[in-house]
Amino acid sequence: MNEAADAHHTRLELPEVVRRYQDAHDHHDTDRALSAFTSNARVVDEEHEFRGVEQIRHWLDTAARQFTYTRTLVGAEVIDPDTWLVVNHLEGDFPGGVVDLQYRFVVRDDLIVELVIAP
């Protein structure tokens, strides 16, 4: 398989809950994005931690209003049966304007229990 075929194959195998979260976040649909998380999930973004439904809702709402950007899926890999590393390329009006971010999703029972976002 060539690299393009590998990347395409990997994208198709992203868990439904990860695809749902990313699509909902892209469309600023907080309720749909939040439905991808467990009630006691943990999110770490820009070295800030958010735990549980209300803190994650606040993070989603704030992130959606703070900057305008586009996201392109660059690649994904399975770390273990419950953990996915997804690389997204963002371009927008945030400081620096362009960044590739790693999103480490831990999924259990078809919901996200942890999301860590880092450069």
PDB file of N, CA and C in Angstrom:
ATOM      1  N   MET A   1       0.833  -1.190   0.000  1.00  0.00           N
ATOM      2  CA  MET A   1       0.000   0.000   0.000  1.00  0.00           C
ATOM      3  C   MET A   1       0.875   1.250   0.000  1.00  0.00           C
ATOM      4  N   ASN A   2       0.475   2.251  -0.722  1.00  0.00           N
ATOM      5  CA  ASN A   2       1.242   3.494  -0.698  1.00  0.00           C
ATOM      6  C   ASN A   2       0.760   4.378   0.453  1.00  0.00           C
ATOM      7  N   GLU A   3       1.486   5.488   0.699  1.00  0.00           N
ATOM      8  CA  GLU A   3       1.150   6.353   1.832  1.00  0.00           C
ATOM      9  C   GLU A   3      -0.258   6.919   1.736  1.00  0.00           C
ATOM     10  N   ALA A   4      -0.655   7.361   0.555  1.00  0.00           N
ATOM     11  CA  ALA A   4      -2.003   7.930   0.390  1.00  0.00           C
ATOM     12  C   ALA A   4      -3.060   6.883   0.705  1.00  0.00           C
ATOM     13  N   ALA A   5      -2.865   5.677   0.237  1.00  0.00           N
ATOM     14  CA  ALA A   5      -3.828   4.613   0.525  1.00  0.00           C
ATOM     15  C   ALA A   5      -3.842   4.311   2.019  1.00  0.00           C
ATOM     16  N   ASP A   6      -2.676   4.291   2.668  1.00  0.00           N
ATOM     17  CA  ASP A   6      -2.607   4.063   4.112  1.00  0.00           C
ATOM     18  C   ASP A   6      -3.365   5.144   4.860  1.00  0.00           C
ATOM     19  N   ALA A   7      -3.153   6.414   4.508  1.00  0.00           N
ATOM     20  CA  ALA A   7      -3.823   7.516   5.182  1.00  0.00           C
ATOM     21  C   ALA A   7      -5.328   7.417   4.990  1.00  0.00           C
ATOM     22  N   HIS A   8      -5.766   7.123   3.774  1.00  0.00           N
ATOM     23  CA  HIS A   8      -7.193   6.997   3.492  1.00  0.00           C
ATOM     24  C   HIS A   8      -7.786   5.847   4.295  1.00  0.00           C
ATOM     25  N   HIS A   9      -7.096   4.716   4.323  1.00  0.00           N
ATOM     26  CA  HIS A   9      -7.561   3.541   5.056  1.00  0.00           C
ATOM     27  C   HIS A   9      -7.694   3.874   6.546  1.00  0.00           C
ATOM     28  N   THR A  10      -6.708   4.557   7.117  1.00  0.00           N
ATOM     29  CA  THR A  10      -6.734   4.910   8.528  1.00  0.00           C
ATOM     30  C   THR A  10      -7.904   5.836   8.831  1.00  0.00           C
ATOM     31  N   ARG A  11      -8.135   6.824   7.978  1.00  0.00           N
ATOM     32  CA  ARG A  11      -9.233   7.765   8.201  1.00  0.00           C
ATOM     33  C   ARG A  11     -10.569   7.046   8.273  1.00  0.00           C
ATOM     34  N   LEU A  12     -10.766   6.064   7.408  1.00  0.00           N
ATOM     35  CA  LEU A  12     -12.030   5.357   7.371  1.00  0.00           C
ATOM     36  C   LEU A  12     -12.267   4.557   8.641  1.00  0.00           C
ATOM     37  N   GLU A  13     -11.187   4.208   9.338  1.00  0.00           N
ATOM     38  CA  GLU A  13     -11.326   3.380  10.522  1.00  0.00           C
ATOM     39  C   GLU A  13     -11.371   4.167  11.828  1.00  0.00           C
ATOM     40  N   LEU A  14     -11.379   5.497  11.743  1.00  0.00           N
ATOM     41  CA  LEU A  14     -11.534   6.270  12.979  1.00  0.00           C
ATOM     42  C   LEU A  14     -12.829   5.852  13.658  1.00  0.00           C
ATOM     43  N   PRO A  15     -12.815   5.719  14.964  1.00  0.00           N
ATOM     44  CA  PRO A  15     -14.061   5.374  15.654  1.00  0.00           C
ATOM     45  C   PRO A  15     -15.145   6.411  15.361  1.00  0.00           C
ATOM     46  N   GLU A  16     -16.377   5.959  15.286  1.00  0.00           N
ATOM     47  CA  GLU A  16     -17.503   6.844  14.993  1.00  0.00           C
ATOM     48  C   GLU A  16     -17.537   8.012  15.959  1.00  0.00           C
ATOM     49  N   VAL A  17     -17.270   7.764  17.231  1.00  0.00           N
ATOM     50  CA  VAL A  17     -17.346   8.821  18.237  1.00  0.00           C
ATOM     51  C   VAL A  17     -16.292   9.909  17.987  1.00  0.00           C
ATOM     52  N   VAL A  18     -15.127   9.546  17.478  1.00  0.00           N
ATOM     53  CA  VAL A  18     -14.086  10.530  17.156  1.00  0.00           C
ATOM     54  C   VAL A  18     -14.517  11.354  15.947  1.00  0.00           C
ATOM     55  N   ARG A  19     -15.045  10.682  14.929  1.00  0.00           N
ATOM     56  CA  ARG A  19     -15.546  11.408  13.750  1.00  0.00           C
ATOM     57  C   ARG A  19     -16.684  12.357  14.150  1.00  0.00           C
ATOM     58  N   ARG A  20     -17.575  11.887  15.010  1.00  0.00           N
ATOM     59  CA  ARG A  20     -18.708  12.711  15.459  1.00  0.00           C
ATOM     60  C   ARG A  20     -18.209  13.939  16.209  1.00  0.00           C
ATOM     61  N   TYR A  21     -17.268  13.744  17.131  1.00  0.00           N
ATOM     62  CA  TYR A  21     -16.727  14.878  17.886  1.00  0.00           C
ATOM     63  C   TYR A  21     -16.098  15.905  16.938  1.00  0.00           C
ATOM     64  N   GLN A  22     -15.241  15.440  16.026  1.00  0.00           N
ATOM     65  CA  GLN A  22     -14.531  16.375  15.146  1.00  0.00           C
ATOM     66  C   GLN A  22     -15.503  17.123  14.240  1.00  0.00           C
ATOM     67  N   ASP A  23     -16.480  16.419  13.689  1.00  0.00           N
ATOM     68  CA  ASP A  23     -17.464  17.064  12.821  1.00  0.00           C
ATOM     69  C   ASP A  23     -18.291  18.089  13.610  1.00  0.00           C
ATOM     70  N   ALA A  24     -18.743  17.708  14.790  1.00  0.00           N
ATOM     71  CA  ALA A  24     -19.549  18.608  15.614  1.00  0.00           C
ATOM     72  C   ALA A  24     -18.737  19.831  16.026  1.00  0.00           C
ATOM     73  N   HIS A  25     -17.482  19.627  16.397  1.00  0.00           N
ATOM     74  CA  HIS A  25     -16.633  20.752  16.799  1.00  0.00           C
ATOM     75  C   HIS A  25     -16.411  21.693  15.615  1.00  0.00           C
ATOM     76  N   ASP A  26     -16.194  21.127  14.424  1.00  0.00           N
ATOM     77  CA  ASP A  26     -16.026  21.949  13.222  1.00  0.00           C
ATOM     78  C   ASP A  26     -17.250  22.810  12.949  1.00  0.00           C
ATOM     79  N   HIS A  27     -18.430  22.275  13.270  1.00  0.00           N
ATOM     80  CA  HIS A  27     -19.686  22.981  13.000  1.00  0.00           C
ATOM     81  C   HIS A  27     -20.206  23.747  14.216  1.00  0.00           C
ATOM     82  N   HIS A  28     -19.375  23.865  15.246  1.00  0.00           N
ATOM     83  CA  HIS A  28     -19.732  24.601  16.467  1.00  0.00           C
ATOM     84  C   HIS A  28     -21.027  24.076  17.087  1.00  0.00           C
ATOM     85  N   ASP A  29     -21.225  22.749  17.018  1.00  0.00           N
ATOM     86  CA  ASP A  29     -22.401  22.107  17.594  1.00  0.00           C
ATOM     87  C   ASP A  29     -21.994  21.513  18.949  1.00  0.00           C
ATOM     88  N   THR A  30     -22.065  22.351  19.975  1.00  0.00           N
ATOM     89  CA  THR A  30     -21.591  21.961  21.301  1.00  0.00           C
ATOM     90  C   THR A  30     -22.316  20.736  21.829  1.00  0.00           C
ATOM     91  N   ASP A  31     -23.633  20.687  21.700  1.00  0.00           N
ATOM     92  CA  ASP A  31     -24.388  19.559  22.244  1.00  0.00           C
ATOM     93  C   ASP A  31     -23.985  18.243  21.586  1.00  0.00           C
ATOM     94  N   ARG A  32     -23.832  18.262  20.266  1.00  0.00           N
ATOM     95  CA  ARG A  32     -23.421  17.038  19.559  1.00  0.00           C
ATOM     96  C   ARG A  32     -21.992  16.654  19.934  1.00  0.00           C
ATOM     97  N   ALA A  33     -21.088  17.635  20.026  1.00  0.00           N
ATOM     98  CA  ALA A  33     -19.710  17.348  20.433  1.00  0.00           C
ATOM     99  C   ALA A  33     -19.692  16.770  21.840  1.00  0.00           C
ATOM    100  N   LEU A  34     -20.471  17.368  22.731  1.00  0.00           N
ATOM    101  CA  LEU A  34     -20.513  16.908  24.113  1.00  0.00           C
ATOM    102  C   LEU A  34     -21.067  15.490  24.219  1.00  0.00           C
ATOM    103  N   SER A  35     -21.952  15.114  23.312  1.00  0.00           N
ATOM    104  CA  SER A  35     -22.533  13.763  23.339  1.00  0.00           C
ATOM    105  C   SER A  35     -21.495  12.675  23.074  1.00  0.00           C
ATOM    106  N   ALA A  36     -20.309  13.071  22.605  1.00  0.00           N
ATOM    107  CA  ALA A  36     -19.255  12.103  22.334  1.00  0.00           C
ATOM    108  C   ALA A  36     -18.468  11.720  23.593  1.00  0.00           C
ATOM    109  N   PHE A  37     -18.656  12.471  24.688  1.00  0.00           N
ATOM    110  CA  PHE A  37     -17.880  12.272  25.911  1.00  0.00           C
ATOM    111  C   PHE A  37     -18.678  11.552  26.991  1.00  0.00           C
ATOM    112  N   THR A  38     -17.956  10.824  27.855  1.00  0.00           N
ATOM    113  CA  THR A  38     -18.583  10.276  29.052  1.00  0.00           C
ATOM    114  C   THR A  38     -18.878  11.423  30.009  1.00  0.00           C
ATOM    115  N   SER A  39     -19.717  11.175  30.996  1.00  0.00           N
ATOM    116  CA  SER A  39     -20.092  12.239  31.938  1.00  0.00           C
ATOM    117  C   SER A  39     -18.918  12.695  32.803  1.00  0.00           C
ATOM    118  N   ASN A  40     -17.915  11.847  32.967  1.00  0.00           N
ATOM    119  CA  ASN A  40     -16.752  12.218  33.793  1.00  0.00           C
ATOM    120  C   ASN A  40     -15.472  12.301  32.968  1.00  0.00           C
ATOM    121  N   ALA A  41     -15.609  12.600  31.687  1.00  0.00           N
ATOM    122  CA  ALA A  41     -14.453  12.675  30.783  1.00  0.00           C
ATOM    123  C   ALA A  41     -13.487  13.771  31.206  1.00  0.00           C
ATOM    124  N   ARG A  42     -12.277  13.662  30.666  1.00  0.00           N
ATOM    125  CA  ARG A  42     -11.214  14.633  30.939  1.00  0.00           C
ATOM    126  C   ARG A  42     -10.687  15.145  29.605  1.00  0.00           C
ATOM    127  N   VAL A  43     -10.541  16.473  29.490  1.00  0.00           N
ATOM    128  CA  VAL A  43      -9.942  17.096  28.310  1.00  0.00           C
ATOM    129  C   VAL A  43      -8.775  17.949  28.792  1.00  0.00           C
ATOM    130  N   VAL A  44      -7.644  17.854  28.079  1.00  0.00           N
ATOM    131  CA  VAL A  44      -6.504  18.725  28.347  1.00  0.00           C
ATOM    132  C   VAL A  44      -6.211  19.455  27.044  1.00  0.00           C
ATOM    133  N   ASP A  45      -6.253  20.794  27.094  1.00  0.00           N
ATOM    134  CA  ASP A  45      -6.003  21.635  25.928  1.00  0.00           C
ATOM    135  C   ASP A  45      -5.206  22.849  26.393  1.00  0.00           C
ATOM    136  N   GLU A  46      -4.110  23.131  25.717  1.00  0.00           N
ATOM    137  CA  GLU A  46      -3.245  24.248  26.086  1.00  0.00           C
ATOM    138  C   GLU A  46      -2.871  24.189  27.567  1.00  0.00           C
ATOM    139  N   GLU A  47      -2.577  22.980  28.025  1.00  0.00           N
ATOM    140  CA  GLU A  47      -2.145  22.719  29.408  1.00  0.00           C
ATOM    141  C   GLU A  47      -3.209  23.039  30.453  1.00  0.00           C
ATOM    142  N   HIS A  48      -4.466  23.208  30.033  1.00  0.00           N
ATOM    143  CA  HIS A  48      -5.585  23.401  30.956  1.00  0.00           C
ATOM    144  C   HIS A  48      -6.405  22.120  30.958  1.00  0.00           C
ATOM    145  N   GLU A  49      -6.848  21.723  32.145  1.00  0.00           N
ATOM    146  CA  GLU A  49      -7.634  20.505  32.269  1.00  0.00           C
ATOM    147  C   GLU A  49      -9.098  20.848  32.517  1.00  0.00           C
ATOM    148  N   PHE A  50      -9.974  20.093  31.835  1.00  0.00           N
ATOM    149  CA  PHE A  50     -11.416  20.251  31.987  1.00  0.00           C
ATOM    150  C   PHE A  50     -11.984  18.868  32.292  1.00  0.00           C
ATOM    151  N   ARG A  51     -12.757  18.761  33.354  1.00  0.00           N
ATOM    152  CA  ARG A  51     -13.324  17.469  33.764  1.00  0.00           C
ATOM    153  C   ARG A  51     -14.842  17.568  33.876  1.00  0.00           C
ATOM    154  N   GLY A  52     -15.511  16.563  33.356  1.00  0.00           N
ATOM    155  CA  GLY A  52     -16.956  16.480  33.490  1.00  0.00           C
ATOM    156  C   GLY A  52     -17.692  17.337  32.471  1.00  0.00           C
ATOM    157  N   VAL A  53     -18.980  17.101  32.404  1.00  0.00           N
ATOM    158  CA  VAL A  53     -19.841  17.688  31.380  1.00  0.00           C
ATOM    159  C   VAL A  53     -19.804  19.214  31.372  1.00  0.00           C
ATOM    160  N   GLU A  54     -19.961  19.846  32.516  1.00  0.00           N
ATOM    161  CA  GLU A  54     -20.059  21.313  32.541  1.00  0.00           C
ATOM    162  C   GLU A  54     -18.748  21.988  32.155  1.00  0.00           C
ATOM    163  N   GLN A  55     -17.625  21.482  32.663  1.00  0.00           N
ATOM    164  CA  GLN A  55     -16.339  22.085  32.309  1.00  0.00           C
ATOM    165  C   GLN A  55     -16.027  21.859  30.829  1.00  0.00           C
ATOM    166  N   ILE A  56     -16.346  20.674  30.307  1.00  0.00           N
ATOM    167  CA  ILE A  56     -16.094  20.397  28.889  1.00  0.00           C
ATOM    168  C   ILE A  56     -17.024  21.247  28.019  1.00  0.00           C
ATOM    169  N   ARG A  57     -18.275  21.417  28.425  1.00  0.00           N
ATOM    170  CA  ARG A  57     -19.198  22.292  27.690  1.00  0.00           C
ATOM    171  C   ARG A  57     -18.623  23.717  27.628  1.00  0.00           C
ATOM    172  N   HIS A  58     -18.147  24.228  28.749  1.00  0.00           N
ATOM    173  CA  HIS A  58     -17.566  25.574  28.781  1.00  0.00           C
ATOM    174  C   HIS A  58     -16.359  25.648  27.837  1.00  0.00           C
ATOM    175  N   TRP A  59     -15.500  24.641  27.867  1.00  0.00           N
ATOM    176  CA  TRP A  59     -14.333  24.602  26.977  1.00  0.00           C
ATOM    177  C   TRP A  59     -14.773  24.599  25.512  1.00  0.00           C
ATOM    178  N   LEU A  60     -15.744  23.755  25.166  1.00  0.00           N
ATOM    179  CA  LEU A  60     -16.231  23.698  23.778  1.00  0.00           C
ATOM    180  C   LEU A  60     -16.808  25.042  23.343  1.00  0.00           C
ATOM    181  N   ASP A  61     -17.624  25.653  24.191  1.00  0.00           N
ATOM    182  CA  ASP A  61     -18.217  26.952  23.846  1.00  0.00           C
ATOM    183  C   ASP A  61     -17.145  28.023  23.691  1.00  0.00           C
ATOM    184  N   THR A  62     -16.176  28.044  24.592  1.00  0.00           N
ATOM    185  CA  THR A  62     -15.108  29.042  24.550  1.00  0.00           C
ATOM    186  C   THR A  62     -14.231  28.843  23.324  1.00  0.00           C
ATOM    187  N   ALA A  63     -13.853  27.595  23.050  1.00  0.00           N
ATOM    188  CA  ALA A  63     -12.995  27.297  21.897  1.00  0.00           C
ATOM    189  C   ALA A  63     -13.686  27.693  20.593  1.00  0.00           C
ATOM    190  N   ALA A  64     -14.994  27.509  20.524  1.00  0.00           N
ATOM    191  CA  ALA A  64     -15.738  27.829  19.308  1.00  0.00           C
ATOM    192  C   ALA A  64     -15.810  29.338  19.062  1.00  0.00           C
ATOM    193  N   ARG A  65     -15.834  30.128  20.136  1.00  0.00           N
ATOM    194  CA  ARG A  65     -15.956  31.585  20.006  1.00  0.00           C
ATOM    195  C   ARG A  65     -14.618  32.300  19.909  1.00  0.00           C
ATOM    196  N   GLN A  66     -13.580  31.706  20.473  1.00  0.00           N
ATOM    197  CA  GLN A  66     -12.305  32.399  20.604  1.00  0.00           C
ATOM    198  C   GLN A  66     -11.619  32.680  19.273  1.00  0.00           C
ATOM    199  N   PHE A  67     -11.573  31.685  18.381  1.00  0.00           N
ATOM    200  CA  PHE A  67     -10.875  31.833  17.105  1.00  0.00           C
ATOM    201  C   PHE A  67     -11.688  31.205  15.987  1.00  0.00           C
ATOM    202  N   THR A  68     -11.425  31.667  14.771  1.00  0.00           N
ATOM    203  CA  THR A  68     -12.000  31.067  13.568  1.00  0.00           C
ATOM    204  C   THR A  68     -10.884  30.321  12.864  1.00  0.00           C
ATOM    205  N   TYR A  69     -11.136  29.067  12.506  1.00  0.00           N
ATOM    206  CA  TYR A  69     -10.101  28.272  11.855  1.00  0.00           C
ATOM    207  C   TYR A  69     -10.716  27.136  11.061  1.00  0.00           C
ATOM    208  N   THR A  70      -9.916  26.584  10.175  1.00  0.00           N
ATOM    209  CA  THR A  70     -10.301  25.369   9.462  1.00  0.00           C
ATOM    210  C   THR A  70      -9.406  24.241   9.960  1.00  0.00           C
ATOM    211  N   ARG A  71      -9.945  23.038   9.949  1.00  0.00           N
ATOM    212  CA  ARG A  71      -9.227  21.860  10.407  1.00  0.00           C
ATOM    213  C   ARG A  71      -9.173  20.842   9.282  1.00  0.00           C
ATOM    214  N   THR A  72      -7.990  20.293   9.066  1.00  0.00           N
ATOM    215  CA  THR A  72      -7.824  19.244   8.069  1.00  0.00           C
ATOM    216  C   THR A  72      -7.194  18.035   8.756  1.00  0.00           C
ATOM    217  N   LEU A  73      -7.811  16.881   8.602  1.00  0.00           N
ATOM    218  CA  LEU A  73      -7.257  15.649   9.155  1.00  0.00           C
ATOM    219  C   LEU A  73      -6.006  15.282   8.367  1.00  0.00           C
ATOM    220  N   VAL A  74      -4.887  15.175   9.068  1.00  0.00           N
ATOM    221  CA  VAL A  74      -3.615  14.834   8.437  1.00  0.00           C
ATOM    222  C   VAL A  74      -3.375  13.332   8.500  1.00  0.00           C
ATOM    223  N   GLY A  75      -3.683  12.724   9.641  1.00  0.00           N
ATOM    224  CA  GLY A  75      -3.458  11.295   9.798  1.00  0.00           C
ATOM    225  C   GLY A  75      -3.948  10.812  11.143  1.00  0.00           C
ATOM    226  N   ALA A  76      -3.912   9.510  11.301  1.00  0.00           N
ATOM    227  CA  ALA A  76      -4.348   8.900  12.551  1.00  0.00           C
ATOM    228  C   ALA A  76      -3.677   7.555  12.705  1.00  0.00           C
ATOM    229  N   GLU A  77      -3.469   7.175  13.957  1.00  0.00           N
ATOM    230  CA  GLU A  77      -2.920   5.852  14.215  1.00  0.00           C
ATOM    231  C   GLU A  77      -3.498   5.313  15.507  1.00  0.00           C
ATOM    232  N   VAL A  78      -3.565   3.998  15.578  1.00  0.00           N
ATOM    233  CA  VAL A  78      -4.035   3.321  16.780  1.00  0.00           C
ATOM    234  C   VAL A  78      -2.832   3.121  17.690  1.00  0.00           C
ATOM    235  N   ILE A  79      -2.932   3.620  18.922  1.00  0.00           N
ATOM    236  CA  ILE A  79      -1.869   3.448  19.909  1.00  0.00           C
ATOM    237  C   ILE A  79      -2.070   2.127  20.643  1.00  0.00           C
ATOM    238  N   ASP A  80      -3.299   1.866  21.044  1.00  0.00           N
ATOM    239  CA  ASP A  80      -3.709   0.597  21.637  1.00  0.00           C
ATOM    240  C   ASP A  80      -5.202   0.461  21.349  1.00  0.00           C
ATOM    241  N   PRO A  81      -5.840  -0.628  21.744  1.00  0.00           N
ATOM    242  CA  PRO A  81      -7.254  -0.804  21.356  1.00  0.00           C
ATOM    243  C   PRO A  81      -8.195   0.322  21.769  1.00  0.00           C
ATOM    244  N   ASP A  82      -7.840   1.083  22.799  1.00  0.00           N
ATOM    245  CA  ASP A  82      -8.707   2.159  23.273  1.00  0.00           C
ATOM    246  C   ASP A  82      -8.193   3.554  22.942  1.00  0.00           C
ATOM    247  N   THR A  83      -6.999   3.659  22.353  1.00  0.00           N
ATOM    248  CA  THR A  83      -6.365   4.966  22.199  1.00  0.00           C
ATOM    249  C   THR A  83      -6.005   5.242  20.746  1.00  0.00           C
ATOM    250  N   TRP A  84      -6.406   6.428  20.287  1.00  0.00           N
ATOM    251  CA  TRP A  84      -6.133   6.892  18.927  1.00  0.00           C
ATOM    252  C   TRP A  84      -5.360   8.188  18.987  1.00  0.00           C
ATOM    253  N   LEU A  85      -4.365   8.325  18.126  1.00  0.00           N
ATOM    254  CA  LEU A  85      -3.642   9.587  17.972  1.00  0.00           C
ATOM    255  C   LEU A  85      -4.027  10.144  16.608  1.00  0.00           C
ATOM    256  N   VAL A  86      -4.681  11.303  16.621  1.00  0.00           N
ATOM    257  CA  VAL A  86      -5.164  11.949  15.411  1.00  0.00           C
ATOM    258  C   VAL A  86      -4.400  13.255  15.241  1.00  0.00           C
ATOM    259  N   VAL A  87      -3.863  13.483  14.051  1.00  0.00           N
ATOM    260  CA  VAL A  87      -3.153  14.732  13.772  1.00  0.00           C
ATOM    261  C   VAL A  87      -4.031  15.579  12.867  1.00  0.00           C
ATOM    262  N   ASN A  88      -4.295  16.816  13.335  1.00  0.00           N
ATOM    263  CA  ASN A  88      -5.101  17.777  12.584  1.00  0.00           C
ATOM    264  C   ASN A  88      -4.261  19.004  12.276  1.00  0.00           C
ATOM    265  N   HIS A  89      -4.425  19.518  11.065  1.00  0.00           N
ATOM    266  CA  HIS A  89      -3.765  20.756  10.632  1.00  0.00           C
ATOM    267  C   HIS A  89      -4.802  21.870  10.746  1.00  0.00           C
ATOM    268  N   LEU A  90      -4.473  22.919  11.518  1.00  0.00           N
ATOM    269  CA  LEU A  90      -5.384  24.044  11.705  1.00  0.00           C
ATOM    270  C   LEU A  90      -4.778  25.294  11.099  1.00  0.00           C
ATOM    271  N   GLU A  91      -5.625  26.081  10.426  1.00  0.00           N
ATOM    272  CA  GLU A  91      -5.249  27.393   9.907  1.00  0.00           C
ATOM    273  C   GLU A  91      -6.356  28.356  10.297  1.00  0.00           C
ATOM    274  N   GLY A  92      -5.948  29.512  10.858  1.00  0.00           N
ATOM    275  CA  GLY A  92      -6.968  30.471  11.269  1.00  0.00           C
ATOM    276  C   GLY A  92      -6.400  31.738  11.845  1.00  0.00           C
ATOM    277  N   ASP A  93      -7.237  32.429  12.626  1.00  0.00           N
ATOM    278  CA  ASP A  93      -6.859  33.734  13.163  1.00  0.00           C
ATOM    279  C   ASP A  93      -6.297  33.651  14.584  1.00  0.00           C
ATOM    280  N   PHE A  94      -5.818  32.489  14.992  1.00  0.00           N
ATOM    281  CA  PHE A  94      -5.163  32.335  16.289  1.00  0.00           C
ATOM    282  C   PHE A  94      -3.693  32.726  16.166  1.00  0.00           C
ATOM    283  N   PRO A  95      -3.001  32.973  17.284  1.00  0.00           N
ATOM    284  CA  PRO A  95      -1.586  33.360  17.212  1.00  0.00           C
ATOM    285  C   PRO A  95      -0.764  32.338  16.419  1.00  0.00           C
ATOM    286  N   GLY A  96      -0.019  32.813  15.448  1.00  0.00           N
ATOM    287  CA  GLY A  96       0.778  31.928  14.596  1.00  0.00           C
ATOM    288  C   GLY A  96       0.050  31.527  13.325  1.00  0.00           C
ATOM    289  N   GLY A  97      -1.267  31.440  13.385  1.00  0.00           N
ATOM    290  CA  GLY A  97      -2.083  31.209  12.203  1.00  0.00           C
ATOM    291  C   GLY A  97      -2.117  29.807  11.623  1.00  0.00           C
ATOM    292  N   VAL A  98      -1.094  28.987  11.907  1.00  0.00           N
ATOM    293  CA  VAL A  98      -1.020  27.626  11.361  1.00  0.00           C
ATOM    294  C   VAL A  98      -0.399  26.726  12.415  1.00  0.00           C
ATOM    295  N   VAL A  99      -0.990  25.546  12.616  1.00  0.00           N
ATOM    296  CA  VAL A  99      -0.419  24.592  13.569  1.00  0.00           C
ATOM    297  C   VAL A  99      -0.911  23.184  13.244  1.00  0.00           C
ATOM    298  N   ASP A 100      -0.057  22.208  13.492  1.00  0.00           N
ATOM    299  CA  ASP A 100      -0.466  20.807  13.469  1.00  0.00           C
ATOM    300  C   ASP A 100      -0.597  20.370  14.920  1.00  0.00           C
ATOM    301  N   LEU A 101      -1.757  19.861  15.283  1.00  0.00           N
ATOM    302  CA  LEU A 101      -2.009  19.438  16.652  1.00  0.00           C
ATOM    303  C   LEU A 101      -2.264  17.940  16.711  1.00  0.00           C
ATOM    304  N   GLN A 102      -1.778  17.327  17.785  1.00  0.00           N
ATOM    305  CA  GLN A 102      -2.046  15.918  18.047  1.00  0.00           C
ATOM    306  C   GLN A 102      -3.198  15.830  19.042  1.00  0.00           C
ATOM    307  N   TYR A 103      -4.195  15.044  18.684  1.00  0.00           N
ATOM    308  CA  TYR A 103      -5.343  14.803  19.543  1.00  0.00           C
ATOM    309  C   TYR A 103      -5.265  13.338  19.964  1.00  0.00           C
ATOM    310  N   ARG A 104      -5.040  13.092  21.255  1.00  0.00           N
ATOM    311  CA  ARG A 104      -5.002  11.712  21.747  1.00  0.00           C
ATOM    312  C   ARG A 104      -6.343  11.407  22.397  1.00  0.00           C
ATOM    313  N   PHE A 105      -7.097  10.543  21.737  1.00  0.00           N
ATOM    314  CA  PHE A 105      -8.425  10.149  22.206  1.00  0.00           C
ATOM    315  C   PHE A 105      -8.331   8.800  22.906  1.00  0.00           C
ATOM    316  N   VAL A 106      -8.899   8.706  24.102  1.00  0.00           N
ATOM    317  CA  VAL A 106      -9.087   7.419  24.762  1.00  0.00           C
ATOM    318  C   VAL A 106     -10.587   7.157  24.737  1.00  0.00           C
ATOM    319  N   VAL A 107     -10.962   6.033  24.124  1.00  0.00           N
ATOM    320  CA  VAL A 107     -12.369   5.702  23.904  1.00  0.00           C
ATOM    321  C   VAL A 107     -12.697   4.401  24.634  1.00  0.00           C
ATOM    322  N   ARG A 108     -13.792   4.446  25.390  1.00  0.00           N
ATOM    323  CA  ARG A 108     -14.288   3.228  26.057  1.00  0.00           C
ATOM    324  C   ARG A 108     -15.799   3.193  25.901  1.00  0.00           C
ATOM    325  N   ASP A 109     -16.312   2.019  25.593  1.00  0.00           N
ATOM    326  CA  ASP A 109     -17.762   1.850  25.414  1.00  0.00           C
ATOM    327  C   ASP A 109     -18.330   2.882  24.450  1.00  0.00           C
ATOM    328  N   ASP A 110     -17.587   3.150  23.359  1.00  0.00           N
ATOM    329  CA  ASP A 110     -18.017   4.039  22.285  1.00  0.00           C
ATOM    330  C   ASP A 110     -18.193   5.496  22.695  1.00  0.00           C
ATOM    331  N   LEU A 111     -17.502   5.918  23.758  1.00  0.00           N
ATOM    332  CA  LEU A 111     -17.501   7.313  24.171  1.00  0.00           C
ATOM    333  C   LEU A 111     -16.064   7.731  24.502  1.00  0.00           C
ATOM    334  N   ILE A 112     -15.795   9.012  24.400  1.00  0.00           N
ATOM    335  CA  ILE A 112     -14.467   9.542  24.719  1.00  0.00           C
ATOM    336  C   ILE A 112     -14.372   9.736  26.230  1.00  0.00           C
ATOM    337  N   VAL A 113     -13.367   9.091  26.842  1.00  0.00           N
ATOM    338  CA  VAL A 113     -13.133   9.274  28.274  1.00  0.00           C
ATOM    339  C   VAL A 113     -12.007  10.280  28.516  1.00  0.00           C
ATOM    340  N   GLU A 114     -11.156  10.455  27.495  1.00  0.00           N
ATOM    341  CA  GLU A 114     -10.067  11.415  27.639  1.00  0.00           C
ATOM    342  C   GLU A 114      -9.661  11.932  26.263  1.00  0.00           C
ATOM    343  N   LEU A 115      -9.389  13.230  26.211  1.00  0.00           N
ATOM    344  CA  LEU A 115      -8.869  13.883  25.008  1.00  0.00           C
ATOM    345  C   LEU A 115      -7.759  14.817  25.450  1.00  0.00           C
ATOM    346  N   VAL A 116      -6.558  14.584  24.914  1.00  0.00           N
ATOM    347  CA  VAL A 116      -5.423  15.454  25.197  1.00  0.00           C
ATOM    348  C   VAL A 116      -4.969  16.058  23.878  1.00  0.00           C
ATOM    349  N   ILE A 117      -4.944  17.390  23.808  1.00  0.00           N
ATOM    350  CA  ILE A 117      -4.560  18.112  22.596  1.00  0.00           C
ATOM    351  C   ILE A 117      -3.228  18.783  22.857  1.00  0.00           C
ATOM    352  N   ALA A 118      -2.266  18.525  21.971  1.00  0.00           N
ATOM    353  CA  ALA A 118      -0.922  19.101  22.148  1.00  0.00           C
ATOM    354  C   ALA A 118      -0.274  19.307  20.785  1.00  0.00           C
ATOM    355  N   PRO A 119       0.678  20.272  20.713  1.00  0.00           N
ATOM    356  CA  PRO A 119       1.403  20.478  19.450  1.00  0.00           C
ATOM    357  C   PRO A 119       2.272  19.269  19.101  1.00  0.00           C
TER     358      PRO A 119
END
